[in-house]
Amino acid sequence: MKRLFLLLLLLVPFACVFHARAQMDTTGVYAPLDSLLTQFYGALLYEEIPEKNAEFDALIASCTDSLMRQHVTLTVFDHYRYSRVMGEEAVAVHIYDRWIEPGIVATRSEFEAFEAERFALEHRNTLIGMPAPRLSLRKPCGGRRTIPAGGRASVLFFYSPECSKCRMETYALPSVLAQVDFPMDFYAIDVDSDKKAFKAFRKALRTPNKNVKMIHLWDPESESTMLLDYGIFSTPKIFVVWEGEILGRRLEMDSLQEIIQYISMLYGQEKEE
């Protein structure tokens, strides 16, 4: 909290300037504030998410001027929704739920409001450490399967056969999955409804690794809530579930590989114990 109080003391000289220059180009006015916020992000980098949330709640609440509060809130929100640090999107979701969605802090435009809401919908249910949403999906031969199963590591790969990046990743996945040396369920989930395309994609996406159980599923009648539960507004999307919780989310191939190595280490430790 000392960092917060120091920052607030430094912000005081700017407070009286913001309102007076509301109708002017404020780029120069906000520059010192943005510099301080950048320092604040760095100071909080290794803090846990609840600590970050508490610090920014206190900072936003301390802004008595509405324009300064708006700028601080939306700047912090944008910083964390575009952050490349895994798990930090949780801060942006918290800022949205606590300050933006209730209307305590207004967005600057309807488009900005739409984008903020969409971000929250995409991320809210699958933050790191949250229980993985359960889905009931159709198997290729009929019948249904509820995923992810407990007791095994799981990868959920949401794809569209028409998605060029999805097709590219089918070529990269076998080499990544070859490194799995622990029991894993790999759920390849088609978000479209073309039966022929689904069949062709199943043939293309295979792995010889006996540790990996490849399970193909889809939802052609849109009977599940998978798109909302996992925020699938585009494809591909990759999630990793470990012991029922989200361990990795919206991953690229390199980060999926890193998580596989991490689970391999944990699995080896469990076997030794």
C-alpha atoms as a PDB file:
ATOM      1  CA  MET A   1       0.000   0.000   0.000  1.00  0.00           C
ATOM      2  CA  LYS A   2       2.968   2.350   0.455  1.00  0.00           C
ATOM      3  CA  ARG A   3       3.435   2.379  -3.305  1.00  0.00           C
ATOM      4  CA  LEU A   4      -0.192   3.405  -3.724  1.00  0.00           C
ATOM      5  CA  PHE A   5       0.057   6.275  -1.257  1.00  0.00           C
ATOM      6  CA  LEU A   6       3.252   7.519  -2.912  1.00  0.00           C
ATOM      7  CA  LEU A   7       1.583   7.455  -6.307  1.00  0.00           C
ATOM      8  CA  LEU A   8      -1.464   9.295  -5.034  1.00  0.00           C
ATOM      9  CA  LEU A   9       0.708  12.020  -3.552  1.00  0.00           C
ATOM     10  CA  LEU A  10       2.345  12.443  -6.938  1.00  0.00           C
ATOM     11  CA  LEU A  11      -1.038  12.571  -8.668  1.00  0.00           C
ATOM     12  CA  VAL A  12      -2.387  15.417  -6.520  1.00  0.00           C
ATOM     13  CA  PRO A  13      -0.726  18.246  -8.499  1.00  0.00           C
ATOM     14  CA  PHE A  14      -2.471  17.048 -11.684  1.00  0.00           C
ATOM     15  CA  ALA A  15      -5.988  16.778 -10.242  1.00  0.00           C
ATOM     16  CA  CYS A  16      -6.870  20.446 -10.544  1.00  0.00           C
ATOM     17  CA  VAL A  17      -5.678  20.577 -14.164  1.00  0.00           C
ATOM     18  CA  PHE A  18      -7.814  17.781 -15.669  1.00  0.00           C
ATOM     19  CA  HIS A  19     -11.256  19.339 -15.337  1.00  0.00           C
ATOM     20  CA  ALA A  20     -10.159  22.752 -16.527  1.00  0.00           C
ATOM     21  CA  ARG A  21      -8.750  21.288 -19.747  1.00  0.00           C
ATOM     22  CA  ALA A  22     -11.583  18.823 -20.413  1.00  0.00           C
ATOM     23  CA  GLN A  23     -12.392  20.308 -23.834  1.00  0.00           C
ATOM     24  CA  MET A  24      -8.768  20.619 -24.906  1.00  0.00           C
ATOM     25  CA  ASP A  25      -6.153  18.209 -26.204  1.00  0.00           C
ATOM     26  CA  THR A  26      -5.149  16.509 -22.957  1.00  0.00           C
ATOM     27  CA  THR A  27      -2.302  14.382 -24.314  1.00  0.00           C
ATOM     28  CA  GLY A  28       0.286  16.497 -22.578  1.00  0.00           C
ATOM     29  CA  VAL A  29      -1.681  16.639 -19.344  1.00  0.00           C
ATOM     30  CA  TYR A  30      -2.053  12.875 -19.080  1.00  0.00           C
ATOM     31  CA  ALA A  31       1.554  12.074 -19.993  1.00  0.00           C
ATOM     32  CA  PRO A  32       2.958  12.481 -16.432  1.00  0.00           C
ATOM     33  CA  LEU A  33       0.057  10.448 -15.042  1.00  0.00           C
ATOM     34  CA  ASP A  34       0.592   7.672 -17.578  1.00  0.00           C
ATOM     35  CA  SER A  35       4.281   7.583 -16.706  1.00  0.00           C
ATOM     36  CA  LEU A  36       3.400   7.090 -13.037  1.00  0.00           C
ATOM     37  CA  LEU A  37       0.921   4.351 -13.916  1.00  0.00           C
ATOM     38  CA  THR A  38       3.613   2.563 -15.898  1.00  0.00           C
ATOM     39  CA  GLN A  39       5.837   2.613 -12.820  1.00  0.00           C
ATOM     40  CA  PHE A  40       2.937   1.305 -10.780  1.00  0.00           C
ATOM     41  CA  TYR A  41       2.396  -1.648 -13.135  1.00  0.00           C
ATOM     42  CA  GLY A  42       6.049  -2.560 -12.719  1.00  0.00           C
ATOM     43  CA  ALA A  43       5.917  -2.277  -8.930  1.00  0.00           C
ATOM     44  CA  LEU A  44       2.930  -4.653  -8.843  1.00  0.00           C
ATOM     45  CA  LEU A  45       4.215  -7.105 -11.451  1.00  0.00           C
ATOM     46  CA  TYR A  46       4.968  -9.933  -9.015  1.00  0.00           C
ATOM     47  CA  GLU A  47       2.025  -9.346  -6.694  1.00  0.00           C
ATOM     48  CA  GLU A  48      -0.902 -11.776  -6.635  1.00  0.00           C
ATOM     49  CA  ILE A  49      -4.037 -10.846  -8.590  1.00  0.00           C
ATOM     50  CA  PRO A  50      -6.150 -10.033  -5.480  1.00  0.00           C
ATOM     51  CA  GLU A  51      -3.437  -7.626  -4.324  1.00  0.00           C
ATOM     52  CA  LYS A  52      -3.360  -5.916  -7.739  1.00  0.00           C
ATOM     53  CA  ASN A  53      -7.149  -5.635  -7.735  1.00  0.00           C
ATOM     54  CA  ALA A  54      -7.145  -4.072  -4.269  1.00  0.00           C
ATOM     55  CA  GLU A  55      -4.411  -1.582  -5.178  1.00  0.00           C
ATOM     56  CA  PHE A  56      -6.188  -0.395  -8.321  1.00  0.00           C
ATOM     57  CA  ASP A  57      -9.572  -0.236  -6.597  1.00  0.00           C
ATOM     58  CA  ALA A  58      -8.049   2.051  -3.990  1.00  0.00           C
ATOM     59  CA  LEU A  59      -6.319   4.135  -6.654  1.00  0.00           C
ATOM     60  CA  ILE A  60      -9.487   4.609  -8.734  1.00  0.00           C
ATOM     61  CA  ALA A  61     -11.567   5.380  -5.646  1.00  0.00           C
ATOM     62  CA  SER A  62      -9.076   8.082  -4.647  1.00  0.00           C
ATOM     63  CA  CYS A  63      -9.658  10.025  -7.892  1.00  0.00           C
ATOM     64  CA  THR A  64     -12.109  12.762  -6.898  1.00  0.00           C
ATOM     65  CA  ASP A  65     -12.147  14.327 -10.373  1.00  0.00           C
ATOM     66  CA  SER A  66     -14.409  12.363 -12.769  1.00  0.00           C
ATOM     67  CA  LEU A  67     -12.162  12.880 -15.810  1.00  0.00           C
ATOM     68  CA  MET A  68      -9.075  11.713 -13.979  1.00  0.00           C
ATOM     69  CA  ARG A  69     -10.991   8.703 -12.621  1.00  0.00           C
ATOM     70  CA  GLN A  70     -12.146   7.852 -16.136  1.00  0.00           C
ATOM     71  CA  HIS A  71      -8.644   8.141 -17.560  1.00  0.00           C
ATOM     72  CA  VAL A  72      -7.049   6.060 -14.792  1.00  0.00           C
ATOM     73  CA  THR A  73      -9.731   3.360 -14.964  1.00  0.00           C
ATOM     74  CA  LEU A  74      -9.714   2.953 -18.740  1.00  0.00           C
ATOM     75  CA  THR A  75      -5.921   3.150 -18.949  1.00  0.00           C
ATOM     76  CA  VAL A  76      -5.518   0.417 -16.340  1.00  0.00           C
ATOM     77  CA  PHE A  77      -8.242  -1.654 -18.035  1.00  0.00           C
ATOM     78  CA  ASP A  78      -6.531  -1.382 -21.435  1.00  0.00           C
ATOM     79  CA  HIS A  79      -3.103  -2.162 -19.992  1.00  0.00           C
ATOM     80  CA  TYR A  80      -4.249  -5.433 -18.432  1.00  0.00           C
ATOM     81  CA  ARG A  81      -6.527  -6.598 -21.230  1.00  0.00           C
ATOM     82  CA  TYR A  82      -3.601  -6.312 -23.665  1.00  0.00           C
ATOM     83  CA  SER A  83      -1.026  -7.673 -21.207  1.00  0.00           C
ATOM     84  CA  ARG A  84       1.026 -10.634 -22.426  1.00  0.00           C
ATOM     85  CA  VAL A  85       1.610 -11.841 -18.869  1.00  0.00           C
ATOM     86  CA  MET A  86      -0.462 -14.961 -18.284  1.00  0.00           C
ATOM     87  CA  GLY A  87      -3.270 -14.407 -15.800  1.00  0.00           C
ATOM     88  CA  GLU A  88      -3.178 -10.602 -15.801  1.00  0.00           C
ATOM     89  CA  GLU A  89      -6.381 -10.378 -17.856  1.00  0.00           C
ATOM     90  CA  ALA A  90      -8.085 -11.145 -14.527  1.00  0.00           C
ATOM     91  CA  VAL A  91      -7.282  -7.582 -13.432  1.00  0.00           C
ATOM     92  CA  ALA A  92      -9.014  -6.155 -16.509  1.00  0.00           C
ATOM     93  CA  VAL A  93     -12.101  -8.309 -15.877  1.00  0.00           C
ATOM     94  CA  HIS A  94     -12.166  -7.099 -12.267  1.00  0.00           C
ATOM     95  CA  ILE A  95     -11.892  -3.446 -13.354  1.00  0.00           C
ATOM     96  CA  TYR A  96     -14.749  -3.945 -15.800  1.00  0.00           C
ATOM     97  CA  ASP A  97     -17.023  -5.698 -13.288  1.00  0.00           C
ATOM     98  CA  ARG A  98     -16.239  -3.308 -10.437  1.00  0.00           C
ATOM     99  CA  TRP A  99     -16.131   0.066 -12.202  1.00  0.00           C
ATOM    100  CA  ILE A 100     -17.212   0.034 -15.859  1.00  0.00           C
ATOM    101  CA  GLU A 101     -20.170  -2.348 -16.081  1.00  0.00           C
ATOM    102  CA  PRO A 102     -22.075  -0.733 -13.144  1.00  0.00           C
ATOM    103  CA  GLY A 103     -21.602   2.688 -14.779  1.00  0.00           C
ATOM    104  CA  ILE A 104     -19.453   4.125 -11.987  1.00  0.00           C
ATOM    105  CA  VAL A 105     -16.913   5.002 -14.659  1.00  0.00           C
ATOM    106  CA  ALA A 106     -18.231   5.779 -18.138  1.00  0.00           C
ATOM    107  CA  THR A 107     -16.510   4.727 -21.335  1.00  0.00           C
ATOM    108  CA  ARG A 108     -15.619   7.411 -23.877  1.00  0.00           C
ATOM    109  CA  SER A 109     -17.805   6.004 -26.660  1.00  0.00           C
ATOM    110  CA  GLU A 110     -20.385   3.334 -27.437  1.00  0.00           C
ATOM    111  CA  PHE A 111     -17.768   1.410 -29.408  1.00  0.00           C
ATOM    112  CA  GLU A 112     -15.427   1.435 -26.411  1.00  0.00           C
ATOM    113  CA  ALA A 113     -18.300   0.178 -24.226  1.00  0.00           C
ATOM    114  CA  PHE A 114     -19.000  -2.637 -26.706  1.00  0.00           C
ATOM    115  CA  GLU A 115     -15.343  -3.678 -26.848  1.00  0.00           C
ATOM    116  CA  ALA A 116     -15.052  -3.663 -23.044  1.00  0.00           C
ATOM    117  CA  GLU A 117     -18.174  -5.795 -22.657  1.00  0.00           C
ATOM    118  CA  ARG A 118     -16.970  -8.230 -25.293  1.00  0.00           C
ATOM    119  CA  PHE A 119     -13.611  -8.585 -23.542  1.00  0.00           C
ATOM    120  CA  ALA A 120     -15.331  -9.395 -20.246  1.00  0.00           C
ATOM    121  CA  LEU A 121     -17.588 -11.982 -21.914  1.00  0.00           C
ATOM    122  CA  GLU A 122     -14.602 -13.631 -23.608  1.00  0.00           C
ATOM    123  CA  HIS A 123     -12.541 -13.926 -20.443  1.00  0.00           C
ATOM    124  CA  ARG A 124     -14.745 -13.935 -17.344  1.00  0.00           C
ATOM    125  CA  ASN A 125     -15.478 -17.692 -17.118  1.00  0.00           C
ATOM    126  CA  THR A 126     -12.013 -19.028 -17.899  1.00  0.00           C
ATOM    127  CA  LEU A 127      -9.551 -17.056 -15.799  1.00  0.00           C
ATOM    128  CA  ILE A 128      -6.483 -18.881 -14.513  1.00  0.00           C
ATOM    129  CA  GLY A 129      -7.347 -20.942 -11.424  1.00  0.00           C
ATOM    130  CA  MET A 130     -11.090 -20.981 -12.044  1.00  0.00           C
ATOM    131  CA  PRO A 131     -13.004 -24.277 -12.314  1.00  0.00           C
ATOM    132  CA  ALA A 132     -13.194 -25.280 -15.967  1.00  0.00           C
ATOM    133  CA  PRO A 133     -16.747 -24.942 -17.341  1.00  0.00           C
ATOM    134  CA  ARG A 134     -18.283 -28.344 -18.034  1.00  0.00           C
ATOM    135  CA  LEU A 135     -19.630 -29.020 -21.511  1.00  0.00           C
ATOM    136  CA  SER A 136     -21.892 -31.718 -22.933  1.00  0.00           C
ATOM    137  CA  LEU A 137     -21.011 -32.182 -26.613  1.00  0.00           C
ATOM    138  CA  ARG A 138     -21.790 -34.629 -29.382  1.00  0.00           C
ATOM    139  CA  LYS A 139     -19.442 -37.411 -30.481  1.00  0.00           C
ATOM    140  CA  PRO A 140     -18.875 -38.108 -34.200  1.00  0.00           C
ATOM    141  CA  CYS A 141     -20.809 -41.374 -34.063  1.00  0.00           C
ATOM    142  CA  GLY A 142     -23.678 -39.928 -32.015  1.00  0.00           C
ATOM    143  CA  GLY A 143     -24.228 -39.822 -28.280  1.00  0.00           C
ATOM    144  CA  ARG A 144     -22.795 -37.238 -25.951  1.00  0.00           C
ATOM    145  CA  ARG A 145     -19.733 -36.723 -23.811  1.00  0.00           C
ATOM    146  CA  THR A 146     -19.281 -34.381 -20.843  1.00  0.00           C
ATOM    147  CA  ILE A 147     -15.892 -32.710 -20.654  1.00  0.00           C
ATOM    148  CA  PRO A 148     -13.374 -32.130 -19.258  1.00  0.00           C
ATOM    149  CA  ALA A 149     -13.024 -35.406 -17.372  1.00  0.00           C
ATOM    150  CA  GLY A 150     -11.600 -35.310 -13.860  1.00  0.00           C
ATOM    151  CA  GLY A 151      -8.349 -36.942 -12.845  1.00  0.00           C
ATOM    152  CA  ARG A 152      -6.452 -36.260 -16.087  1.00  0.00           C
ATOM    153  CA  ALA A 153      -4.815 -33.282 -17.684  1.00  0.00           C
ATOM    154  CA  SER A 154      -6.965 -31.959 -20.513  1.00  0.00           C
ATOM    155  CA  VAL A 155      -6.459 -29.735 -23.527  1.00  0.00           C
ATOM    156  CA  LEU A 156      -9.497 -28.119 -25.138  1.00  0.00           C
ATOM    157  CA  PHE A 157      -8.794 -27.112 -28.730  1.00  0.00           C
ATOM    158  CA  PHE A 158     -11.684 -25.132 -30.227  1.00  0.00           C
ATOM    159  CA  TYR A 159     -11.426 -24.864 -34.003  1.00  0.00           C
ATOM    160  CA  SER A 160     -13.291 -24.219 -37.232  1.00  0.00           C
ATOM    161  CA  PRO A 161     -12.414 -26.328 -40.311  1.00  0.00           C
ATOM    162  CA  GLU A 162     -12.674 -23.123 -42.366  1.00  0.00           C
ATOM    163  CA  CYS A 163     -10.103 -21.324 -40.198  1.00  0.00           C
ATOM    164  CA  SER A 164      -6.687 -21.140 -41.884  1.00  0.00           C
ATOM    165  CA  LYS A 165      -4.821 -20.755 -38.599  1.00  0.00           C
ATOM    166  CA  CYS A 166      -6.638 -23.802 -37.214  1.00  0.00           C
ATOM    167  CA  ARG A 167      -5.440 -25.845 -40.188  1.00  0.00           C
ATOM    168  CA  MET A 168      -1.886 -24.600 -39.674  1.00  0.00           C
ATOM    169  CA  GLU A 169      -1.956 -25.628 -36.029  1.00  0.00           C
ATOM    170  CA  THR A 170      -3.029 -29.178 -36.931  1.00  0.00           C
ATOM    171  CA  TYR A 171       0.409 -29.520 -38.536  1.00  0.00           C
ATOM    172  CA  ALA A 172       2.197 -28.155 -35.451  1.00  0.00           C
ATOM    173  CA  LEU A 173       0.204 -30.033 -32.816  1.00  0.00           C
ATOM    174  CA  PRO A 174       1.586 -33.562 -33.388  1.00  0.00           C
ATOM    175  CA  SER A 175       5.169 -32.453 -32.639  1.00  0.00           C
ATOM    176  CA  VAL A 176       3.992 -30.645 -29.497  1.00  0.00           C
ATOM    177  CA  LEU A 177       1.855 -33.574 -28.323  1.00  0.00           C
ATOM    178  CA  ALA A 178       4.752 -35.970 -28.939  1.00  0.00           C
ATOM    179  CA  GLN A 179       6.395 -34.503 -25.830  1.00  0.00           C
ATOM    180  CA  VAL A 180       3.527 -35.498 -23.513  1.00  0.00           C
ATOM    181  CA  ASP A 181       4.760 -38.183 -21.071  1.00  0.00           C
ATOM    182  CA  PHE A 182       1.705 -38.208 -18.791  1.00  0.00           C
ATOM    183  CA  PRO A 183      -1.965 -39.184 -19.324  1.00  0.00           C
ATOM    184  CA  MET A 184      -3.751 -36.443 -21.273  1.00  0.00           C
ATOM    185  CA  ASP A 185      -7.164 -36.005 -22.886  1.00  0.00           C
ATOM    186  CA  PHE A 186      -7.025 -33.837 -25.982  1.00  0.00           C
ATOM    187  CA  TYR A 187     -10.490 -32.550 -26.916  1.00  0.00           C
ATOM    188  CA  ALA A 188     -10.647 -31.309 -30.513  1.00  0.00           C
ATOM    189  CA  ILE A 189     -13.916 -29.339 -30.636  1.00  0.00           C
ATOM    190  CA  ASP A 190     -15.415 -28.226 -33.945  1.00  0.00           C
ATOM    191  CA  VAL A 191     -17.454 -25.042 -33.461  1.00  0.00           C
ATOM    192  CA  ASP A 192     -19.101 -25.347 -36.908  1.00  0.00           C
ATOM    193  CA  SER A 193     -21.790 -27.695 -38.245  1.00  0.00           C
ATOM    194  CA  ASP A 194     -20.455 -29.020 -41.591  1.00  0.00           C
ATOM    195  CA  LYS A 195     -20.347 -32.822 -41.244  1.00  0.00           C
ATOM    196  CA  LYS A 196     -17.976 -33.403 -44.184  1.00  0.00           C
ATOM    197  CA  ALA A 197     -15.550 -30.737 -42.982  1.00  0.00           C
ATOM    198  CA  PHE A 198     -15.689 -32.203 -39.457  1.00  0.00           C
ATOM    199  CA  LYS A 199     -14.795 -35.656 -40.823  1.00  0.00           C
ATOM    200  CA  ALA A 200     -11.910 -34.316 -42.912  1.00  0.00           C
ATOM    201  CA  PHE A 201     -10.489 -32.370 -39.963  1.00  0.00           C
ATOM    202  CA  ARG A 202     -10.624 -35.475 -37.754  1.00  0.00           C
ATOM    203  CA  LYS A 203      -8.465 -37.332 -40.267  1.00  0.00           C
ATOM    204  CA  ALA A 204      -5.960 -34.486 -40.349  1.00  0.00           C
ATOM    205  CA  LEU A 205      -5.625 -34.107 -36.578  1.00  0.00           C
ATOM    206  CA  ARG A 206      -4.034 -37.224 -35.107  1.00  0.00           C
ATOM    207  CA  THR A 207      -1.166 -38.129 -32.798  1.00  0.00           C
ATOM    208  CA  PRO A 208       0.796 -41.397 -32.423  1.00  0.00           C
ATOM    209  CA  ASN A 209       1.540 -40.613 -28.757  1.00  0.00           C
ATOM    210  CA  LYS A 210      -0.190 -43.290 -26.658  1.00  0.00           C
ATOM    211  CA  ASN A 211      -0.233 -40.982 -23.633  1.00  0.00           C
ATOM    212  CA  VAL A 212      -2.641 -38.660 -25.449  1.00  0.00           C
ATOM    213  CA  LYS A 213      -6.250 -39.683 -25.926  1.00  0.00           C
ATOM    214  CA  MET A 214      -7.560 -37.746 -28.936  1.00  0.00           C
ATOM    215  CA  ILE A 215     -11.302 -37.064 -28.578  1.00  0.00           C
ATOM    216  CA  HIS A 216     -13.235 -35.319 -31.355  1.00  0.00           C
ATOM    217  CA  LEU A 217     -16.454 -33.483 -30.449  1.00  0.00           C
ATOM    218  CA  TRP A 218     -18.799 -30.893 -31.879  1.00  0.00           C
ATOM    219  CA  ASP A 219     -22.109 -29.128 -31.288  1.00  0.00           C
ATOM    220  CA  PRO A 220     -23.847 -28.873 -34.687  1.00  0.00           C
ATOM    221  CA  GLU A 221     -27.239 -27.953 -33.209  1.00  0.00           C
ATOM    222  CA  SER A 222     -25.811 -25.343 -30.811  1.00  0.00           C
ATOM    223  CA  GLU A 223     -27.251 -27.211 -27.849  1.00  0.00           C
ATOM    224  CA  SER A 224     -24.446 -26.265 -25.469  1.00  0.00           C
ATOM    225  CA  THR A 225     -23.232 -22.930 -24.157  1.00  0.00           C
ATOM    226  CA  MET A 226     -19.606 -23.606 -25.089  1.00  0.00           C
ATOM    227  CA  LEU A 227     -19.130 -20.404 -27.099  1.00  0.00           C
ATOM    228  CA  LEU A 228     -20.135 -18.230 -24.148  1.00  0.00           C
ATOM    229  CA  ASP A 229     -18.626 -20.448 -21.422  1.00  0.00           C
ATOM    230  CA  TYR A 230     -15.198 -20.359 -23.083  1.00  0.00           C
ATOM    231  CA  GLY A 231     -15.536 -17.007 -24.863  1.00  0.00           C
ATOM    232  CA  ILE A 232     -15.105 -18.461 -28.338  1.00  0.00           C
ATOM    233  CA  PHE A 233     -15.613 -15.402 -30.533  1.00  0.00           C
ATOM    234  CA  SER A 234     -12.859 -16.542 -32.895  1.00  0.00           C
ATOM    235  CA  THR A 235     -10.740 -19.626 -33.497  1.00  0.00           C
ATOM    236  CA  PRO A 236      -8.490 -21.317 -32.705  1.00  0.00           C
ATOM    237  CA  LYS A 237      -8.649 -21.211 -28.907  1.00  0.00           C
ATOM    238  CA  ILE A 238      -6.640 -23.565 -26.690  1.00  0.00           C
ATOM    239  CA  PHE A 239      -7.180 -24.130 -22.963  1.00  0.00           C
ATOM    240  CA  VAL A 240      -5.372 -26.450 -20.550  1.00  0.00           C
ATOM    241  CA  VAL A 241      -7.175 -27.929 -17.540  1.00  0.00           C
ATOM    242  CA  TRP A 242      -5.315 -29.516 -14.623  1.00  0.00           C
ATOM    243  CA  GLU A 243      -7.162 -31.060 -11.669  1.00  0.00           C
ATOM    244  CA  GLY A 244     -10.400 -29.436 -12.802  1.00  0.00           C
ATOM    245  CA  GLU A 245      -9.015 -25.892 -12.972  1.00  0.00           C
ATOM    246  CA  ILE A 246      -7.919 -23.649 -15.823  1.00  0.00           C
ATOM    247  CA  LEU A 247      -4.126 -23.817 -15.953  1.00  0.00           C
ATOM    248  CA  GLY A 248      -3.621 -22.241 -19.361  1.00  0.00           C
ATOM    249  CA  ARG A 249      -5.946 -20.209 -21.555  1.00  0.00           C
ATOM    250  CA  ARG A 250      -6.080 -18.894 -25.125  1.00  0.00           C
ATOM    251  CA  LEU A 251      -2.657 -20.377 -25.776  1.00  0.00           C
ATOM    252  CA  GLU A 252      -0.286 -20.284 -28.710  1.00  0.00           C
ATOM    253  CA  MET A 253       1.785 -23.367 -29.609  1.00  0.00           C
ATOM    254  CA  ASP A 254       4.880 -22.218 -27.730  1.00  0.00           C
ATOM    255  CA  SER A 255       2.957 -21.532 -24.514  1.00  0.00           C
ATOM    256  CA  LEU A 256       1.100 -24.859 -24.825  1.00  0.00           C
ATOM    257  CA  GLN A 257       4.486 -26.539 -25.063  1.00  0.00           C
ATOM    258  CA  GLU A 258       5.684 -24.753 -21.920  1.00  0.00           C
ATOM    259  CA  ILE A 259       2.597 -25.841 -19.964  1.00  0.00           C
ATOM    260  CA  ILE A 260       3.046 -29.450 -21.123  1.00  0.00           C
ATOM    261  CA  GLN A 261       6.596 -29.328 -19.759  1.00  0.00           C
ATOM    262  CA  TYR A 262       5.295 -27.854 -16.486  1.00  0.00           C
ATOM    263  CA  ILE A 263       2.644 -30.580 -16.061  1.00  0.00           C
ATOM    264  CA  SER A 264       5.268 -33.213 -16.910  1.00  0.00           C
ATOM    265  CA  MET A 265       7.375 -31.927 -14.023  1.00  0.00           C
ATOM    266  CA  LEU A 266       4.384 -32.017 -11.638  1.00  0.00           C
ATOM    267  CA  TYR A 267       3.404 -35.484 -12.801  1.00  0.00           C
ATOM    268  CA  GLY A 268       6.947 -36.738 -12.240  1.00  0.00           C
ATOM    269  CA  GLN A 269       6.959 -35.308  -8.714  1.00  0.00           C
ATOM    270  CA  GLU A 270       3.635 -36.996  -7.920  1.00  0.00           C
ATOM    271  CA  LYS A 271       4.936 -40.375  -9.137  1.00  0.00           C
ATOM    272  CA  GLU A 272       8.028 -40.045  -6.930  1.00  0.00           C
ATOM    273  CA  GLU A 273       5.852 -39.290  -3.897  1.00  0.00           C
END
